[in-house]
């Protein structure tokens, strides 16, 4: 396969498996959050997975947001 793109290679090809090994899935309300730990009980949101489209408008669940796991679990 030949890929013609002006994007840098690090954006086109996925990162190594080491970066994904720390990610975990937290179930909540009507979906799941894929997060990575930053300190005890606090996580950085990587991805929201839900069929409820209104959740994607919630700034607290957007990628990069910092959340406390205690209320979610």
C-alpha atoms as a PDB file:
ATOM      1  CA  UNK A   1       0.000   0.000   0.000  1.00  0.00           C
ATOM      2  CA  UNK A   2       1.269   3.476  -0.825  1.00  0.00           C
ATOM      3  CA  UNK A   3       0.157   6.389   1.313  1.00  0.00           C
ATOM      4  CA  UNK A   4       0.545   9.883  -0.121  1.00  0.00           C
ATOM      5  CA  UNK A   5       0.193  12.490   2.600  1.00  0.00           C
ATOM      6  CA  UNK A   6       1.639  15.800   3.727  1.00  0.00           C
ATOM      7  CA  UNK A   7       1.218  14.875   7.380  1.00  0.00           C
ATOM      8  CA  UNK A   8       4.270  13.932   9.476  1.00  0.00           C
ATOM      9  CA  UNK A   9       4.853  10.201   9.933  1.00  0.00           C
ATOM     10  CA  UNK A  10       4.389  10.343  13.708  1.00  0.00           C
ATOM     11  CA  UNK A  11       0.807  11.523  13.143  1.00  0.00           C
ATOM     12  CA  UNK A  12       0.029   8.917  10.487  1.00  0.00           C
ATOM     13  CA  UNK A  13       1.460   5.791  12.101  1.00  0.00           C
ATOM     14  CA  UNK A  14       0.431   4.728  15.598  1.00  0.00           C
ATOM     15  CA  UNK A  15       2.791   4.976  18.517  1.00  0.00           C
ATOM     16  CA  UNK A  16       4.491   2.000  20.094  1.00  0.00           C
ATOM     17  CA  UNK A  17       2.584  -0.334  22.395  1.00  0.00           C
ATOM     18  CA  UNK A  18       4.295   1.124  25.456  1.00  0.00           C
ATOM     19  CA  UNK A  19       2.186   4.267  25.281  1.00  0.00           C
ATOM     20  CA  UNK A  20      -1.026   2.222  25.250  1.00  0.00           C
ATOM     21  CA  UNK A  21      -0.045  -0.124  28.089  1.00  0.00           C
ATOM     22  CA  UNK A  22      -0.971   2.443  30.764  1.00  0.00           C
ATOM     23  CA  UNK A  23      -4.408   3.206  29.353  1.00  0.00           C
ATOM     24  CA  UNK A  24      -7.442   1.734  31.064  1.00  0.00           C
ATOM     25  CA  UNK A  25     -11.192   1.744  30.514  1.00  0.00           C
ATOM     26  CA  UNK A  26     -13.583   3.203  33.088  1.00  0.00           C
ATOM     27  CA  UNK A  27     -17.284   2.384  32.583  1.00  0.00           C
ATOM     28  CA  UNK A  28     -19.739   5.159  33.476  1.00  0.00           C
ATOM     29  CA  UNK A  29     -23.337   6.301  32.796  1.00  0.00           C
ATOM     30  CA  UNK A  30     -23.973   5.290  29.200  1.00  0.00           C
ATOM     31  CA  UNK A  31     -20.480   4.709  27.897  1.00  0.00           C
ATOM     32  CA  UNK A  32     -16.830   4.223  28.660  1.00  0.00           C
ATOM     33  CA  UNK A  33     -13.866   6.490  29.175  1.00  0.00           C
ATOM     34  CA  UNK A  34     -10.408   5.470  28.054  1.00  0.00           C
ATOM     35  CA  UNK A  35      -8.004   7.174  30.433  1.00  0.00           C
ATOM     36  CA  UNK A  36      -4.369   7.155  31.500  1.00  0.00           C
ATOM     37  CA  UNK A  37      -3.329   7.677  35.131  1.00  0.00           C
ATOM     38  CA  UNK A  38      -1.430  10.838  36.034  1.00  0.00           C
ATOM     39  CA  UNK A  39      -1.445  10.518  39.837  1.00  0.00           C
ATOM     40  CA  UNK A  40      -3.297   8.649  42.560  1.00  0.00           C
ATOM     41  CA  UNK A  41      -7.025   8.753  41.797  1.00  0.00           C
ATOM     42  CA  UNK A  42      -6.676  11.262  38.934  1.00  0.00           C
ATOM     43  CA  UNK A  43      -6.770  10.438  35.248  1.00  0.00           C
ATOM     44  CA  UNK A  44      -6.388  12.186  31.896  1.00  0.00           C
ATOM     45  CA  UNK A  45      -9.165  11.437  29.412  1.00  0.00           C
ATOM     46  CA  UNK A  46      -7.856   9.923  26.170  1.00  0.00           C
ATOM     47  CA  UNK A  47     -11.141   8.986  24.506  1.00  0.00           C
ATOM     48  CA  UNK A  48     -14.874   8.877  25.140  1.00  0.00           C
ATOM     49  CA  UNK A  49     -16.793   5.882  23.783  1.00  0.00           C
ATOM     50  CA  UNK A  50     -20.571   6.275  23.951  1.00  0.00           C
ATOM     51  CA  UNK A  51     -23.684   6.093  21.815  1.00  0.00           C
ATOM     52  CA  UNK A  52     -25.138   9.107  23.671  1.00  0.00           C
ATOM     53  CA  UNK A  53     -24.118  12.027  21.453  1.00  0.00           C
ATOM     54  CA  UNK A  54     -24.859  14.626  24.140  1.00  0.00           C
ATOM     55  CA  UNK A  55     -21.918  13.319  26.197  1.00  0.00           C
ATOM     56  CA  UNK A  56     -19.502  14.472  23.495  1.00  0.00           C
ATOM     57  CA  UNK A  57     -20.509  18.084  24.253  1.00  0.00           C
ATOM     58  CA  UNK A  58     -19.518  17.724  27.919  1.00  0.00           C
ATOM     59  CA  UNK A  59     -16.190  19.549  28.405  1.00  0.00           C
ATOM     60  CA  UNK A  60     -15.404  17.461  31.505  1.00  0.00           C
ATOM     61  CA  UNK A  61     -15.248  14.327  29.320  1.00  0.00           C
ATOM     62  CA  UNK A  62     -13.290  15.786  26.407  1.00  0.00           C
ATOM     63  CA  UNK A  63      -9.826  14.396  25.570  1.00  0.00           C
ATOM     64  CA  UNK A  64      -7.149  15.967  27.758  1.00  0.00           C
ATOM     65  CA  UNK A  65      -9.523  16.725  30.630  1.00  0.00           C
ATOM     66  CA  UNK A  66      -8.398  15.700  34.120  1.00  0.00           C
ATOM     67  CA  UNK A  67     -10.948  13.719  36.141  1.00  0.00           C
ATOM     68  CA  UNK A  68     -11.148  12.157  39.592  1.00  0.00           C
ATOM     69  CA  UNK A  69     -11.978   8.461  39.401  1.00  0.00           C
ATOM     70  CA  UNK A  70     -13.744   8.218  42.751  1.00  0.00           C
ATOM     71  CA  UNK A  71     -17.102   9.679  41.591  1.00  0.00           C
ATOM     72  CA  UNK A  72     -17.024   7.621  38.379  1.00  0.00           C
ATOM     73  CA  UNK A  73     -16.244   4.183  39.834  1.00  0.00           C
END
